[in-house]
Amino acid sequence: MVKRIFAFTLAAVLIIMYILTLVFGLMQDEKTTGMLMASIAATIIVPIILFAYQRLMNLLNNHKNPGEKDKEN
């Protein structure tokens, strides 16, 4: 259950980042250029970090319990 809540929260964060990227891209102000670049970078980097974290946790869990299957709720 905790995994689902965490997944939905992260999905909401990603959706908000995509919306902010669109908004910053449409705004015509000198200050928004930096925010647009930061938003694009976060849109690329955050999913990569989350994927790496997930893979690392799977590897560590399989290393601790080599004979057990991973239980998903």
PDB file of N, CA and C in Angstrom:
ATOM      1  N   MET A   1       0.817  -1.190   0.000  1.00  0.00           N
ATOM      2  CA  MET A   1       0.000   0.000   0.000  1.00  0.00           C
ATOM      3  C   MET A   1       0.863   1.256   0.000  1.00  0.00           C
ATOM      4  N   VAL A   2       1.947   1.229   0.759  1.00  0.00           N
ATOM      5  CA  VAL A   2       2.842   2.378   0.832  1.00  0.00           C
ATOM      6  C   VAL A   2       3.495   2.621  -0.523  1.00  0.00           C
ATOM      7  N   LYS A   3       3.829   1.541  -1.232  1.00  0.00           N
ATOM      8  CA  LYS A   3       4.433   1.684  -2.548  1.00  0.00           C
ATOM      9  C   LYS A   3       3.488   2.379  -3.518  1.00  0.00           C
ATOM     10  N   ARG A   4       2.216   2.071  -3.447  1.00  0.00           N
ATOM     11  CA  ARG A   4       1.238   2.697  -4.345  1.00  0.00           C
ATOM     12  C   ARG A   4       1.090   4.180  -4.048  1.00  0.00           C
ATOM     13  N   ILE A   5       1.024   4.528  -2.781  1.00  0.00           N
ATOM     14  CA  ILE A   5       0.909   5.939  -2.404  1.00  0.00           C
ATOM     15  C   ILE A   5       2.149   6.693  -2.874  1.00  0.00           C
ATOM     16  N   PHE A   6       3.332   6.098  -2.661  1.00  0.00           N
ATOM     17  CA  PHE A   6       4.577   6.711  -3.104  1.00  0.00           C
ATOM     18  C   PHE A   6       4.593   6.869  -4.621  1.00  0.00           C
ATOM     19  N   ALA A   7       4.129   5.861  -5.348  1.00  0.00           N
ATOM     20  CA  ALA A   7       4.109   5.920  -6.809  1.00  0.00           C
ATOM     21  C   ALA A   7       3.149   6.999  -7.305  1.00  0.00           C
ATOM     22  N   PHE A   8       1.973   7.096  -6.707  1.00  0.00           N
ATOM     23  CA  PHE A   8       1.027   8.132  -7.116  1.00  0.00           C
ATOM     24  C   PHE A   8       1.550   9.525  -6.801  1.00  0.00           C
ATOM     25  N   THR A   9       2.229   9.678  -5.680  1.00  0.00           N
ATOM     26  CA  THR A   9       2.809  10.966  -5.323  1.00  0.00           C
ATOM     27  C   THR A   9       3.880  11.370  -6.319  1.00  0.00           C
ATOM     28  N   LEU A  10       4.746  10.439  -6.677  1.00  0.00           N
ATOM     29  CA  LEU A  10       5.794  10.745  -7.646  1.00  0.00           C
ATOM     30  C   LEU A  10       5.218  11.020  -9.029  1.00  0.00           C
ATOM     31  N   ALA A  11       4.163  10.321  -9.394  1.00  0.00           N
ATOM     32  CA  ALA A  11       3.517  10.593 -10.671  1.00  0.00           C
ATOM     33  C   ALA A  11       2.922  12.000 -10.680  1.00  0.00           C
ATOM     34  N   ALA A  12       2.345  12.408  -9.566  1.00  0.00           N
ATOM     35  CA  ALA A  12       1.789  13.759  -9.480  1.00  0.00           C
ATOM     36  C   ALA A  12       2.901  14.806  -9.583  1.00  0.00           C
ATOM     37  N   VAL A  13       4.031  14.551  -8.953  1.00  0.00           N
ATOM     38  CA  VAL A  13       5.162  15.483  -9.034  1.00  0.00           C
ATOM     39  C   VAL A  13       5.645  15.610 -10.475  1.00  0.00           C
ATOM     40  N   LEU A  14       5.748  14.496 -11.181  1.00  0.00           N
ATOM     41  CA  LEU A  14       6.178  14.532 -12.578  1.00  0.00           C
ATOM     42  C   LEU A  14       5.182  15.296 -13.445  1.00  0.00           C
ATOM     43  N   ILE A  15       3.898  15.083 -13.225  1.00  0.00           N
ATOM     44  CA  ILE A  15       2.879  15.790 -14.000  1.00  0.00           C
ATOM     45  C   ILE A  15       2.948  17.291 -13.743  1.00  0.00           C
ATOM     46  N   ILE A  16       3.139  17.674 -12.492  1.00  0.00           N
ATOM     47  CA  ILE A  16       3.276  19.094 -12.158  1.00  0.00           C
ATOM     48  C   ILE A  16       4.517  19.682 -12.825  1.00  0.00           C
ATOM     49  N   MET A  17       5.611  18.928 -12.854  1.00  0.00           N
ATOM     50  CA  MET A  17       6.825  19.416 -13.526  1.00  0.00           C
ATOM     51  C   MET A  17       6.582  19.622 -15.014  1.00  0.00           C
ATOM     52  N   TYR A  18       5.843  18.713 -15.654  1.00  0.00           N
ATOM     53  CA  TYR A  18       5.550  18.863 -17.074  1.00  0.00           C
ATOM     54  C   TYR A  18       4.685  20.090 -17.327  1.00  0.00           C
ATOM     55  N   ILE A  19       3.701  20.313 -16.474  1.00  0.00           N
ATOM     56  CA  ILE A  19       2.838  21.478 -16.613  1.00  0.00           C
ATOM     57  C   ILE A  19       3.649  22.762 -16.423  1.00  0.00           C
ATOM     58  N   LEU A  20       4.514  22.788 -15.414  1.00  0.00           N
ATOM     59  CA  LEU A  20       5.350  23.964 -15.184  1.00  0.00           C
ATOM     60  C   LEU A  20       6.291  24.219 -16.359  1.00  0.00           C
ATOM     61  N   THR A  21       6.814  23.170 -16.962  1.00  0.00           N
ATOM     62  CA  THR A  21       7.671  23.331 -18.138  1.00  0.00           C
ATOM     63  C   THR A  21       6.894  24.001 -19.261  1.00  0.00           C
ATOM     64  N   LEU A  22       5.667  23.570 -19.481  1.00  0.00           N
ATOM     65  CA  LEU A  22       4.829  24.178 -20.511  1.00  0.00           C
ATOM     66  C   LEU A  22       4.535  25.639 -20.195  1.00  0.00           C
ATOM     67  N   VAL A  23       4.180  25.919 -18.956  1.00  0.00           N
ATOM     68  CA  VAL A  23       3.857  27.295 -18.554  1.00  0.00           C
ATOM     69  C   VAL A  23       5.081  28.200 -18.713  1.00  0.00           C
ATOM     70  N   PHE A  24       6.238  27.737 -18.243  1.00  0.00           N
ATOM     71  CA  PHE A  24       7.452  28.551 -18.360  1.00  0.00           C
ATOM     72  C   PHE A  24       7.841  28.759 -19.813  1.00  0.00           C
ATOM     73  N   GLY A  25       7.573  27.763 -20.654  1.00  0.00           N
ATOM     74  CA  GLY A  25       7.883  27.893 -22.078  1.00  0.00           C
ATOM     75  C   GLY A  25       6.994  28.909 -22.773  1.00  0.00           C
ATOM     76  N   LEU A  26       5.767  29.070 -22.301  1.00  0.00           N
ATOM     77  CA  LEU A  26       4.832  30.000 -22.927  1.00  0.00           C
ATOM     78  C   LEU A  26       4.969  31.428 -22.405  1.00  0.00           C
ATOM     79  N   MET A  27       5.577  31.593 -21.249  1.00  0.00           N
ATOM     80  CA  MET A  27       5.716  32.931 -20.675  1.00  0.00           C
ATOM     81  C   MET A  27       6.809  33.702 -21.411  1.00  0.00           C
ATOM     82  N   GLN A  28       6.606  34.997 -21.545  1.00  0.00           N
ATOM     83  CA  GLN A  28       7.562  35.838 -22.265  1.00  0.00           C
ATOM     84  C   GLN A  28       8.198  36.824 -21.299  1.00  0.00           C
ATOM     85  N   ASP A  29       9.126  36.323 -20.501  1.00  0.00           N
ATOM     86  CA  ASP A  29       9.809  37.151 -19.533  1.00  0.00           C
ATOM     87  C   ASP A  29      11.263  36.686 -19.455  1.00  0.00           C
ATOM     88  N   GLU A  30      12.162  37.597 -19.151  1.00  0.00           N
ATOM     89  CA  GLU A  30      13.574  37.245 -19.066  1.00  0.00           C
ATOM     90  C   GLU A  30      13.845  36.272 -17.922  1.00  0.00           C
ATOM     91  N   LYS A  31      13.108  36.394 -16.845  1.00  0.00           N
ATOM     92  CA  LYS A  31      13.324  35.547 -15.671  1.00  0.00           C
ATOM     93  C   LYS A  31      12.878  34.100 -15.900  1.00  0.00           C
ATOM     94  N   THR A  32      11.935  33.897 -16.783  1.00  0.00           N
ATOM     95  CA  THR A  32      11.410  32.549 -16.971  1.00  0.00           C
ATOM     96  C   THR A  32      12.339  31.657 -17.777  1.00  0.00           C
ATOM     97  N   THR A  33      13.321  32.225 -18.464  1.00  0.00           N
ATOM     98  CA  THR A  33      14.249  31.397 -19.236  1.00  0.00           C
ATOM     99  C   THR A  33      15.021  30.461 -18.308  1.00  0.00           C
ATOM    100  N   GLY A  34      15.513  30.988 -17.211  1.00  0.00           N
ATOM    101  CA  GLY A  34      16.227  30.154 -16.239  1.00  0.00           C
ATOM    102  C   GLY A  34      15.323  29.109 -15.617  1.00  0.00           C
ATOM    103  N   MET A  35      14.085  29.504 -15.313  1.00  0.00           N
ATOM    104  CA  MET A  35      13.138  28.555 -14.727  1.00  0.00           C
ATOM    105  C   MET A  35      12.771  27.470 -15.734  1.00  0.00           C
ATOM    106  N   LEU A  36      12.661  27.844 -17.022  1.00  0.00           N
ATOM    107  CA  LEU A  36      12.365  26.861 -18.062  1.00  0.00           C
ATOM    108  C   LEU A  36      13.495  25.854 -18.175  1.00  0.00           C
ATOM    109  N   MET A  37      14.733  26.322 -18.178  1.00  0.00           N
ATOM    110  CA  MET A  37      15.875  25.411 -18.272  1.00  0.00           C
ATOM    111  C   MET A  37      15.954  24.492 -17.047  1.00  0.00           C
ATOM    112  N   ALA A  38      15.691  25.027 -15.865  1.00  0.00           N
ATOM    113  CA  ALA A  38      15.698  24.205 -14.649  1.00  0.00           C
ATOM    114  C   ALA A  38      14.570  23.173 -14.699  1.00  0.00           C
ATOM    115  N   SER A  39      13.423  23.562 -15.204  1.00  0.00           N
ATOM    116  CA  SER A  39      12.289  22.652 -15.296  1.00  0.00           C
ATOM    117  C   SER A  39      12.560  21.528 -16.297  1.00  0.00           C
ATOM    118  N   ILE A  40      13.162  21.868 -17.421  1.00  0.00           N
ATOM    119  CA  ILE A  40      13.505  20.838 -18.415  1.00  0.00           C
ATOM    120  C   ILE A  40      14.541  19.877 -17.835  1.00  0.00           C
ATOM    121  N   ALA A  41      15.540  20.417 -17.155  1.00  0.00           N
ATOM    122  CA  ALA A  41      16.562  19.563 -16.540  1.00  0.00           C
ATOM    123  C   ALA A  41      15.943  18.632 -15.493  1.00  0.00           C
ATOM    124  N   ALA A  42      15.043  19.169 -14.663  1.00  0.00           N
ATOM    125  CA  ALA A  42      14.391  18.345 -13.645  1.00  0.00           C
ATOM    126  C   ALA A  42      13.505  17.285 -14.288  1.00  0.00           C
ATOM    127  N   THR A  43      12.865  17.625 -15.407  1.00  0.00           N
ATOM    128  CA  THR A  43      12.008  16.674 -16.109  1.00  0.00           C
ATOM    129  C   THR A  43      12.820  15.490 -16.628  1.00  0.00           C
ATOM    130  N   ILE A  44      14.077  15.725 -16.951  1.00  0.00           N
ATOM    131  CA  ILE A  44      14.938  14.648 -17.446  1.00  0.00           C
ATOM    132  C   ILE A  44      15.620  13.920 -16.288  1.00  0.00           C
ATOM    133  N   ILE A  45      16.124  14.667 -15.325  1.00  0.00           N
ATOM    134  CA  ILE A  45      16.964  14.084 -14.272  1.00  0.00           C
ATOM    135  C   ILE A  45      16.155  13.323 -13.223  1.00  0.00           C
ATOM    136  N   VAL A  46      15.009  13.848 -12.810  1.00  0.00           N
ATOM    137  CA  VAL A  46      14.230  13.211 -11.739  1.00  0.00           C
ATOM    138  C   VAL A  46      13.797  11.789 -12.102  1.00  0.00           C
ATOM    139  N   PRO A  47      13.232  11.534 -13.294  1.00  0.00           N
ATOM    140  CA  PRO A  47      12.881  10.138 -13.611  1.00  0.00           C
ATOM    141  C   PRO A  47      14.095   9.209 -13.673  1.00  0.00           C
ATOM    142  N   ILE A  48      15.238   9.726 -14.127  1.00  0.00           N
ATOM    143  CA  ILE A  48      16.442   8.901 -14.168  1.00  0.00           C
ATOM    144  C   ILE A  48      16.884   8.527 -12.758  1.00  0.00           C
ATOM    145  N   ILE A  49      16.857   9.499 -11.851  1.00  0.00           N
ATOM    146  CA  ILE A  49      17.237   9.223 -10.461  1.00  0.00           C
ATOM    147  C   ILE A  49      16.259   8.238  -9.824  1.00  0.00           C
ATOM    148  N   LEU A  50      14.964   8.402 -10.084  1.00  0.00           N
ATOM    149  CA  LEU A  50      13.972   7.480  -9.526  1.00  0.00           C
ATOM    150  C   LEU A  50      14.157   6.068 -10.062  1.00  0.00           C
ATOM    151  N   PHE A  51      14.465   5.940 -11.361  1.00  0.00           N
ATOM    152  CA  PHE A  51      14.705   4.633 -11.945  1.00  0.00           C
ATOM    153  C   PHE A  51      15.946   3.992 -11.327  1.00  0.00           C
ATOM    154  N   ALA A  52      17.009   4.771 -11.165  1.00  0.00           N
ATOM    155  CA  ALA A  52      18.235   4.242 -10.561  1.00  0.00           C
ATOM    156  C   ALA A  52      17.992   3.812  -9.120  1.00  0.00           C
ATOM    157  N   TYR A  53      17.222   4.598  -8.370  1.00  0.00           N
ATOM    158  CA  TYR A  53      16.891   4.244  -6.990  1.00  0.00           C
ATOM    159  C   TYR A  53      16.100   2.937  -6.935  1.00  0.00           C
ATOM    160  N   GLN A  54      15.135   2.801  -7.846  1.00  0.00           N
ATOM    161  CA  GLN A  54      14.325   1.583  -7.886  1.00  0.00           C
ATOM    162  C   GLN A  54      15.193   0.366  -8.200  1.00  0.00           C
ATOM    163  N   ARG A  55      16.074   0.492  -9.176  1.00  0.00           N
ATOM    164  CA  ARG A  55      16.948  -0.622  -9.531  1.00  0.00           C
ATOM    165  C   ARG A  55      17.873  -0.994  -8.374  1.00  0.00           C
ATOM    166  N   LEU A  56      18.405   0.018  -7.695  1.00  0.00           N
ATOM    167  CA  LEU A  56      19.295  -0.220  -6.571  1.00  0.00           C
ATOM    168  C   LEU A  56      18.567  -0.939  -5.446  1.00  0.00           C
ATOM    169  N   MET A  57      17.341  -0.525  -5.145  1.00  0.00           N
ATOM    170  CA  MET A  57      16.568  -1.183  -4.090  1.00  0.00           C
ATOM    171  C   MET A  57      16.256  -2.624  -4.467  1.00  0.00           C
ATOM    172  N   ASN A  58      15.927  -2.879  -5.725  1.00  0.00           N
ATOM    173  CA  ASN A  58      15.670  -4.252  -6.160  1.00  0.00           C
ATOM    174  C   ASN A  58      16.920  -5.111  -6.032  1.00  0.00           C
ATOM    175  N   LEU A  59      18.071  -4.569  -6.412  1.00  0.00           N
ATOM    176  CA  LEU A  59      19.311  -5.326  -6.301  1.00  0.00           C
ATOM    177  C   LEU A  59      19.664  -5.595  -4.849  1.00  0.00           C
ATOM    178  N   LEU A  60      19.486  -4.604  -3.986  1.00  0.00           N
ATOM    179  CA  LEU A  60      19.801  -4.798  -2.570  1.00  0.00           C
ATOM    180  C   LEU A  60      18.848  -5.787  -1.911  1.00  0.00           C
ATOM    181  N   ASN A  61      17.568  -5.731  -2.257  1.00  0.00           N
ATOM    182  CA  ASN A  61      16.600  -6.676  -1.690  1.00  0.00           C
ATOM    183  C   ASN A  61      16.879  -8.093  -2.165  1.00  0.00           C
ATOM    184  N   ASN A  62      17.251  -8.269  -3.420  1.00  0.00           N
ATOM    185  CA  ASN A  62      17.565  -9.601  -3.934  1.00  0.00           C
ATOM    186  C   ASN A  62      18.867 -10.115  -3.347  1.00  0.00           C
ATOM    187  N   HIS A  63      19.782  -9.219  -3.039  1.00  0.00           N
ATOM    188  CA  HIS A  63      21.056  -9.637  -2.445  1.00  0.00           C
ATOM    189  C   HIS A  63      20.863 -10.099  -1.001  1.00  0.00           C
ATOM    190  N   LYS A  64      19.974  -9.426  -0.259  1.00  0.00           N
ATOM    191  CA  LYS A  64      19.721  -9.791   1.134  1.00  0.00           C
ATOM    192  C   LYS A  64      18.940 -11.094   1.231  1.00  0.00           C
ATOM    193  N   ASN A  65      17.983 -11.306   0.330  1.00  0.00           N
ATOM    194  CA  ASN A  65      17.111 -12.481   0.352  1.00  0.00           C
ATOM    195  C   ASN A  65      17.201 -13.196  -1.000  1.00  0.00           C
ATOM    196  N   PRO A  66      18.284 -13.920  -1.271  1.00  0.00           N
ATOM    197  CA  PRO A  66      18.445 -14.505  -2.615  1.00  0.00           C
ATOM    198  C   PRO A  66      17.430 -15.598  -2.947  1.00  0.00           C
ATOM    199  N   GLY A  67      16.870 -16.274  -1.948  1.00  0.00           N
ATOM    200  CA  GLY A  67      15.947 -17.370  -2.230  1.00  0.00           C
ATOM    201  C   GLY A  67      14.487 -16.953  -2.248  1.00  0.00           C
ATOM    202  N   GLU A  68      14.176 -15.744  -1.783  1.00  0.00           N
ATOM    203  CA  GLU A  68      12.786 -15.318  -1.685  1.00  0.00           C
ATOM    204  C   GLU A  68      12.396 -14.467  -2.884  1.00  0.00           C
ATOM    205  N   LYS A  69      11.158 -14.596  -3.283  1.00  0.00           N
ATOM    206  CA  LYS A  69      10.600 -13.747  -4.338  1.00  0.00           C
ATOM    207  C   LYS A  69      10.211 -12.418  -3.726  1.00  0.00           C
ATOM    208  N   ASP A  70      10.271 -11.369  -4.541  1.00  0.00           N
ATOM    209  CA  ASP A  70       9.877 -10.026  -4.064  1.00  0.00           C
ATOM    210  C   ASP A  70       8.363  -9.957  -3.999  1.00  0.00           C
ATOM    211  N   LYS A  71       7.837  -9.650  -2.814  1.00  0.00           N
ATOM    212  CA  LYS A  71       6.395  -9.544  -2.624  1.00  0.00           C
ATOM    213  C   LYS A  71       5.947  -8.129  -2.961  1.00  0.00           C
ATOM    214  N   GLU A  72       4.889  -8.034  -3.778  1.00  0.00           N
ATOM    215  CA  GLU A  72       4.324  -6.738  -4.093  1.00  0.00           C
ATOM    216  C   GLU A  72       2.888  -6.722  -3.624  1.00  0.00           C
ATOM    217  N   ASN A  73       2.524  -5.634  -2.949  1.00  0.00           N
ATOM    218  CA  ASN A  73       1.153  -5.504  -2.428  1.00  0.00           C
ATOM    219  C   ASN A  73       0.305  -4.755  -3.397  1.00  0.00           C
TER     220      ASN A  73
END
